[in-house]
Amino acid sequence: MARLDLDDLPPRIAALLTDLPEGEEVMLVQHGAVVGRLTAGAPPQAEETHPEMEPDQKMREVFENFRSAIEDEF
């Protein structure tokens, strides 16, 4: 996937792109011809791996995964 850093763009263009509502499209035009479209989307939501697990269970799982990884390595 191509990456476009907004810090590399002129401020006016960066502001236009960051202020787009979700689902809004920007048409990219060069010499009067449409060369692409960008559609604004919501930033991805961080997913919790096991939201129903208690903190102690999560900690045990992390340590078990760590122990298994160490045993596999050595």
Protein backbone atom coordinates (compact mmCIF):
# COMPACT_ATOMS: atom_id res chain seq x y z
CA MET A 1 0.00 0.00 0.00
CA ALA A 2 1.31 3.45 -0.86
CA ARG A 3 1.78 5.89 2.01
CA LEU A 4 1.29 9.65 1.85
CA ASP A 5 2.72 11.66 4.77
CA LEU A 6 0.58 14.75 5.33
CA ASP A 7 3.61 16.56 6.76
CA ASP A 8 5.15 16.51 3.27
CA LEU A 9 2.16 18.29 1.69
CA PRO A 10 1.39 22.01 1.59
CA PRO A 11 -0.65 23.01 4.68
CA ARG A 12 -3.81 23.78 2.68
CA ILE A 13 -3.90 20.32 1.09
CA ALA A 14 -3.09 18.56 4.38
CA ALA A 15 -5.93 20.46 6.08
CA LEU A 16 -8.35 19.51 3.29
CA LEU A 17 -7.49 15.82 3.68
CA THR A 18 -7.61 15.73 7.49
CA ASP A 19 -10.93 17.59 7.70
CA LEU A 20 -12.84 15.23 5.38
CA PRO A 21 -15.85 13.54 6.96
CA GLU A 22 -15.97 9.74 6.81
CA GLY A 23 -17.07 8.49 3.38
CA GLU A 24 -16.26 11.78 1.59
CA GLU A 25 -14.31 11.41 -1.66
CA VAL A 26 -11.49 13.51 -3.06
CA MET A 27 -10.95 13.35 -6.80
CA LEU A 28 -7.33 13.54 -7.96
CA VAL A 29 -6.99 15.44 -11.24
CA GLN A 30 -3.92 16.00 -13.41
CA HIS A 31 -4.04 18.07 -16.63
CA GLY A 32 -7.85 17.91 -16.53
CA ALA A 33 -8.02 14.10 -16.33
CA VAL A 34 -9.11 12.13 -13.29
CA VAL A 35 -6.17 10.01 -12.12
CA GLY A 36 -7.58 8.69 -8.86
CA ARG A 37 -9.94 9.01 -5.95
CA LEU A 38 -9.39 8.95 -2.21
CA THR A 39 -12.17 8.06 0.20
CA ALA A 40 -11.94 9.18 3.81
CA GLY A 41 -12.46 6.50 6.40
CA ALA A 42 -12.51 6.20 10.13
CA PRO A 43 -9.22 5.29 11.78
CA PRO A 44 -9.03 1.61 12.65
CA GLN A 45 -10.30 0.74 16.11
CA ALA A 46 -7.91 -1.04 18.45
CA GLU A 47 -9.31 -4.46 19.15
CA GLU A 48 -8.97 -6.07 22.52
CA THR A 49 -7.96 -9.70 22.11
CA HIS A 50 -10.11 -11.11 24.93
CA PRO A 51 -12.39 -8.45 26.40
CA GLU A 52 -14.17 -11.02 28.57
CA MET A 53 -10.95 -12.15 30.28
CA GLU A 54 -10.00 -10.87 33.70
CA PRO A 55 -6.62 -9.12 34.14
CA ASP A 56 -5.16 -12.16 35.94
CA GLN A 57 -6.15 -14.44 33.07
CA LYS A 58 -4.61 -12.06 30.53
CA MET A 59 -1.38 -11.94 32.52
CA ARG A 60 -1.24 -15.75 32.76
CA GLU A 61 -1.79 -16.03 29.00
CA VAL A 62 0.98 -13.53 28.25
CA PHE A 63 3.43 -15.36 30.50
CA GLU A 64 2.45 -18.73 29.01
CA ASN A 65 3.01 -17.40 25.49
CA PHE A 66 6.37 -15.97 26.55
CA ARG A 67 7.41 -19.25 28.20
CA SER A 68 6.39 -21.23 25.11
CA ALA A 69 8.32 -18.90 22.83
CA ILE A 70 11.46 -19.24 24.98
CA GLU A 71 11.16 -23.04 25.09
CA ASP A 72 10.70 -23.18 21.30
CA GLU A 73 13.75 -20.98 20.80
CA PHE A 74 16.07 -23.01 23.05
